[in-house]
C-alpha atoms as a PDB file:
ATOM      1  CA  MET A   1       0.000   0.000   0.000  1.00  0.00           C
ATOM      2  CA  SER A   2       1.240   3.420  -0.900  1.00  0.00           C
ATOM      3  CA  TYR A   3       0.798   6.232   1.571  1.00  0.00           C
ATOM      4  CA  PHE A   4       1.670   9.897   1.346  1.00  0.00           C
ATOM      5  CA  THR A   5       1.999  12.100   4.415  1.00  0.00           C
ATOM      6  CA  ALA A   6       2.884  15.761   4.627  1.00  0.00           C
ATOM      7  CA  VAL A   7       3.211  18.133   7.569  1.00  0.00           C
ATOM      8  CA  LEU A   8       2.874  21.859   6.974  1.00  0.00           C
ATOM      9  CA  ALA A   9       3.251  24.549   9.626  1.00  0.00           C
ATOM     10  CA  ARG A  10       2.116  28.117   9.220  1.00  0.00           C
ATOM     11  CA  ASP A  11       4.425  30.987  10.070  1.00  0.00           C
ATOM     12  CA  GLY A  12       2.440  34.165   9.535  1.00  0.00           C
ATOM     13  CA  GLN A  13       1.222  34.028   5.934  1.00  0.00           C
ATOM     14  CA  LYS A  14       3.772  31.401   4.864  1.00  0.00           C
ATOM     15  CA  TRP A  15       3.498  27.601   5.087  1.00  0.00           C
ATOM     16  CA  SER A  16       6.582  25.440   5.526  1.00  0.00           C
ATOM     17  CA  PRO A  17       7.015  21.678   5.197  1.00  0.00           C
ATOM     18  CA  HIS A  18       8.346  19.678   8.128  1.00  0.00           C
ATOM     19  CA  ILE A  19       9.437  16.107   8.633  1.00  0.00           C
ATOM     20  CA  VAL A  20       7.468  14.108  11.187  1.00  0.00           C
ATOM     21  CA  ASP A  21       7.734  10.320  11.285  1.00  0.00           C
ATOM     22  CA  VAL A  22       4.011   9.702  11.606  1.00  0.00           C
ATOM     23  CA  GLU A  23       4.391   5.939  11.297  1.00  0.00           C
ATOM     24  CA  ALA A  24       6.542   5.846  14.438  1.00  0.00           C
ATOM     25  CA  LEU A  25       3.825   7.450  16.580  1.00  0.00           C
ATOM     26  CA  GLU A  26       1.459   5.411  18.720  1.00  0.00           C
ATOM     27  CA  ASP A  27      -1.684   7.531  18.933  1.00  0.00           C
ATOM     28  CA  LEU A  28      -3.298  10.938  18.432  1.00  0.00           C
ATOM     29  CA  ALA A  29      -1.784  12.305  21.642  1.00  0.00           C
ATOM     30  CA  GLU A  30       1.757  11.522  20.438  1.00  0.00           C
ATOM     31  CA  LEU A  31       0.919  12.956  17.027  1.00  0.00           C
ATOM     32  CA  SER A  32      -0.280  16.186  18.643  1.00  0.00           C
ATOM     33  CA  VAL A  33       2.966  16.551  20.564  1.00  0.00           C
ATOM     34  CA  ALA A  34       5.021  15.914  17.417  1.00  0.00           C
ATOM     35  CA  LEU A  35       3.010  18.428  15.392  1.00  0.00           C
ATOM     36  CA  ARG A  36       3.209  21.098  18.098  1.00  0.00           C
ATOM     37  CA  ALA A  37       6.989  20.631  18.173  1.00  0.00           C
ATOM     38  CA  VAL A  38       7.287  21.998  14.621  1.00  0.00           C
ATOM     39  CA  ALA A  39       4.998  25.004  15.192  1.00  0.00           C
ATOM     40  CA  ASP A  40       5.892  28.546  16.140  1.00  0.00           C
ATOM     41  CA  ASP A  41       3.836  29.568  19.171  1.00  0.00           C
ATOM     42  CA  GLU A  42       0.158  29.800  18.287  1.00  0.00           C
ATOM     43  CA  GLU A  43       0.427  28.861  14.599  1.00  0.00           C
ATOM     44  CA  SER A  44      -1.446  26.037  12.895  1.00  0.00           C
ATOM     45  CA  VAL A  45       0.099  22.738  11.869  1.00  0.00           C
ATOM     46  CA  LEU A  46      -1.563  20.425   9.352  1.00  0.00           C
ATOM     47  CA  LEU A  47      -0.965  16.757   8.662  1.00  0.00           C
ATOM     48  CA  PHE A  48      -2.228  15.349   5.375  1.00  0.00           C
ATOM     49  CA  VAL A  49      -2.517  11.603   4.865  1.00  0.00           C
ATOM     50  CA  GLU A  50      -3.439  10.015   1.576  1.00  0.00           C
ATOM     51  CA  ARG A  51      -3.714   6.359   0.637  1.00  0.00           C
ATOM     52  CA  GLU A  52      -3.650   5.784  -3.095  1.00  0.00           C
ATOM     53  CA  ASP A  53      -7.204   6.168  -4.383  1.00  0.00           C
ATOM     54  CA  ALA A  54      -8.883   4.913  -1.217  1.00  0.00           C
ATOM     55  CA  TRP A  55      -9.075   7.669   1.416  1.00  0.00           C
ATOM     56  CA  TRP A  56      -7.477  10.814   2.827  1.00  0.00           C
ATOM     57  CA  ALA A  57      -7.300  12.627   6.138  1.00  0.00           C
ATOM     58  CA  VAL A  58      -6.403  15.978   7.642  1.00  0.00           C
ATOM     59  CA  VAL A  59      -5.249  16.561  11.219  1.00  0.00           C
ATOM     60  CA  ARG A  60      -4.940  20.100  12.529  1.00  0.00           C
ATOM     61  CA  VAL A  61      -3.266  21.293  15.695  1.00  0.00           C
ATOM     62  CA  ASP A  62      -3.576  24.903  16.847  1.00  0.00           C
ATOM     63  CA  ALA A  63      -1.619  26.015  19.917  1.00  0.00           C
ATOM     64  CA  ASP A  64      -2.945  24.142  22.970  1.00  0.00           C
ATOM     65  CA  ASP A  65      -6.313  23.239  21.414  1.00  0.00           C
ATOM     66  CA  ASP A  66      -7.303  19.609  21.026  1.00  0.00           C
ATOM     67  CA  PRO A  67      -6.271  18.107  17.693  1.00  0.00           C
ATOM     68  CA  ARG A  68      -8.961  18.145  15.027  1.00  0.00           C
ATOM     69  CA  VAL A  69      -9.297  15.233  12.611  1.00  0.00           C
ATOM     70  CA  PHE A  70     -11.257  14.750   9.403  1.00  0.00           C
ATOM     71  CA  VAL A  71     -11.163  11.460   7.491  1.00  0.00           C
ATOM     72  CA  SER A  72     -12.832  10.892   4.114  1.00  0.00           C
ATOM     73  CA  ASP A  73     -13.630   7.204   4.775  1.00  0.00           C
ATOM     74  CA  VAL A  74     -13.642   6.151   8.401  1.00  0.00           C
ATOM     75  CA  LEU A  75     -13.867   2.412   7.723  1.00  0.00           C
ATOM     76  CA  ALA A  76     -10.902   2.411   5.332  1.00  0.00           C
ATOM     77  CA  ALA A  77      -8.855   4.550   7.710  1.00  0.00           C
ATOM     78  CA  ALA A  78      -9.782   2.329  10.663  1.00  0.00           C
ATOM     79  CA  ALA A  79      -8.366  -0.676   8.821  1.00  0.00           C
ATOM     80  CA  SER A  80      -5.089   1.116   8.041  1.00  0.00           C
ATOM     81  CA  PRO A  81      -1.784   1.457   9.903  1.00  0.00           C
ATOM     82  CA  TYR A  82      -2.830   5.054  10.697  1.00  0.00           C
ATOM     83  CA  ALA A  83      -5.970   4.093  12.648  1.00  0.00           C
ATOM     84  CA  GLN A  84      -4.519   4.748  16.120  1.00  0.00           C
ATOM     85  CA  VAL A  85      -2.810   7.980  15.108  1.00  0.00           C
ATOM     86  CA  LEU A  86      -6.017   9.295  13.532  1.00  0.00           C
ATOM     87  CA  ASP A  87      -8.058   8.003  16.480  1.00  0.00           C
ATOM     88  CA  VAL A  88     -10.344   5.950  14.225  1.00  0.00           C
ATOM     89  CA  ALA A  89      -9.460   2.439  15.368  1.00  0.00           C
ATOM     90  CA  GLU A  90     -12.084  -0.201  14.648  1.00  0.00           C
ATOM     91  CA  SER A  91     -14.647  -0.683  17.362  1.00  0.00           C
ATOM     92  CA  ASP A  92     -18.131  -2.049  17.921  1.00  0.00           C
ATOM     93  CA  GLU A  93     -19.427   1.404  16.941  1.00  0.00           C
ATOM     94  CA  ALA A  94     -18.269   0.764  13.348  1.00  0.00           C
ATOM     95  CA  GLU A  95     -21.032  -1.782  12.851  1.00  0.00           C
ATOM     96  CA  GLY A  96     -23.619  -0.363  10.491  1.00  0.00           C
ATOM     97  CA  ILE A  97     -21.353   2.344   9.078  1.00  0.00           C
ATOM     98  CA  GLU A  98     -21.101   2.217   5.307  1.00  0.00           C
ATOM     99  CA  ALA A  99     -17.860   2.348   3.342  1.00  0.00           C
ATOM    100  CA  GLY A 100     -17.070   5.871   2.213  1.00  0.00           C
ATOM    101  CA  THR A 101     -18.557   7.509   5.306  1.00  0.00           C
ATOM    102  CA  PRO A 102     -16.582  10.598   6.356  1.00  0.00           C
ATOM    103  CA  TYR A 103     -15.715  11.125  10.001  1.00  0.00           C
ATOM    104  CA  GLY A 104     -14.562  13.939  12.212  1.00  0.00           C
ATOM    105  CA  ASP A 105     -14.512  17.709  12.320  1.00  0.00           C
ATOM    106  CA  SER A 106     -15.726  18.896   8.913  1.00  0.00           C
ATOM    107  CA  ASP A 107     -15.088  22.484  10.054  1.00  0.00           C
ATOM    108  CA  VAL A 108     -11.338  21.798  10.415  1.00  0.00           C
ATOM    109  CA  LEU A 109     -10.339  23.847   7.345  1.00  0.00           C
ATOM    110  CA  ALA A 110     -13.165  26.411   7.168  1.00  0.00           C
ATOM    111  CA  ASP A 111     -10.896  29.361   7.972  1.00  0.00           C
ATOM    112  CA  LEU A 112      -8.434  28.131   5.324  1.00  0.00           C
ATOM    113  CA  GLY A 113     -10.923  28.294   2.477  1.00  0.00           C
ATOM    114  CA  THR A 114     -12.496  24.827   2.599  1.00  0.00           C
ATOM    115  CA  PRO A 115     -15.880  24.946   4.338  1.00  0.00           C
ATOM    116  CA  PRO A 116     -17.574  21.834   5.730  1.00  0.00           C
ATOM    117  CA  GLU A 117     -19.847  21.588   2.696  1.00  0.00           C
ATOM    118  CA  ALA A 118     -16.814  21.381   0.393  1.00  0.00           C
ATOM    119  CA  LEU A 119     -15.230  18.576   2.441  1.00  0.00           C
ATOM    120  CA  THR A 120     -18.487  16.673   2.466  1.00  0.00           C
ATOM    121  CA  GLN A 121     -18.930  17.168  -1.272  1.00  0.00           C
ATOM    122  CA  MET A 122     -15.410  15.854  -1.948  1.00  0.00           C
ATOM    123  CA  CYS A 123     -16.326  12.695  -0.056  1.00  0.00           C
ATOM    124  CA  GLU A 124     -19.723  12.308  -1.708  1.00  0.00           C
ATOM    125  CA  GLU A 125     -18.160  12.704  -5.154  1.00  0.00           C
ATOM    126  CA  GLU A 126     -15.446  10.211  -4.157  1.00  0.00           C
ATOM    127  CA  LEU A 127     -12.780  12.653  -5.262  1.00  0.00           C
ATOM    128  CA  VAL A 128      -9.404  10.940  -5.624  1.00  0.00           C
ATOM    129  CA  PRO A 129      -7.331  11.705  -2.479  1.00  0.00           C
ATOM    130  CA  MET A 130      -4.593  13.488  -4.429  1.00  0.00           C
ATOM    131  CA  ASP A 131      -7.196  15.764  -6.054  1.00  0.00           C
ATOM    132  CA  ALA A 132      -9.018  16.399  -2.770  1.00  0.00           C
ATOM    133  CA  LEU A 133      -5.820  17.434  -1.007  1.00  0.00           C
ATOM    134  CA  ALA A 134      -4.790  19.550  -4.001  1.00  0.00           C
ATOM    135  CA  ALA A 135      -8.128  21.409  -3.841  1.00  0.00           C
ATOM    136  CA  ILE A 136      -7.727  21.955  -0.096  1.00  0.00           C
ATOM    137  CA  ALA A 137      -4.163  23.201  -0.582  1.00  0.00           C
ATOM    138  CA  GLU A 138      -5.198  25.546  -3.388  1.00  0.00           C
ATOM    139  CA  ALA A 139      -7.971  27.060  -1.267  1.00  0.00           C
ATOM    140  CA  GLY A 140      -5.598  27.415   1.695  1.00  0.00           C
ATOM    141  CA  GLY A 141      -2.796  29.037  -0.247  1.00  0.00           C
ATOM    142  CA  PHE A 142      -0.222  26.270   0.227  1.00  0.00           C
ATOM    143  CA  ALA A 143      -0.610  24.273  -2.986  1.00  0.00           C
ATOM    144  CA  GLU A 144       2.945  24.937  -4.132  1.00  0.00           C
ATOM    145  CA  VAL A 145       4.389  23.763  -0.809  1.00  0.00           C
ATOM    146  CA  LEU A 146       2.293  20.590  -0.801  1.00  0.00           C
ATOM    147  CA  ASP A 147       3.153  19.863  -4.443  1.00  0.00           C
ATOM    148  CA  SER A 148       6.854  20.199  -3.668  1.00  0.00           C
ATOM    149  CA  LEU A 149       6.586  17.237  -1.271  1.00  0.00           C
ATOM    150  CA  ARG A 150       5.166  14.782  -3.795  1.00  0.00           C
END
């Protein structure tokens, strides 16, 4: 399986890429600590995860706020190596959830140009993960930075 991860931290109006070994982290709490370590003070840090044509996710950490997660397909993400880090591990609650069901904070990128309706529409249209993240990056003003990591 092919995965792509990218971590971007905002510094004023500029976004910079950072290296975080997401696969080495145990859970969302450890991920939050690692993401905060690359941020300057109160600035936002974003983690993008993409798995081929199957699903994508965004994790956002702002200052001391709780991490915010949005996943395009909770069942696919729950069955992946990133389940614990994204806090979507399989549970009894997954029974009855259909494949392709998004999960999490759909408002996570609203102030960066991607409102909840746009995230939901990307999932409903089954937009390819690379295209979904490209649209998010374009709206947020960090498309060039994200593209440079591919």
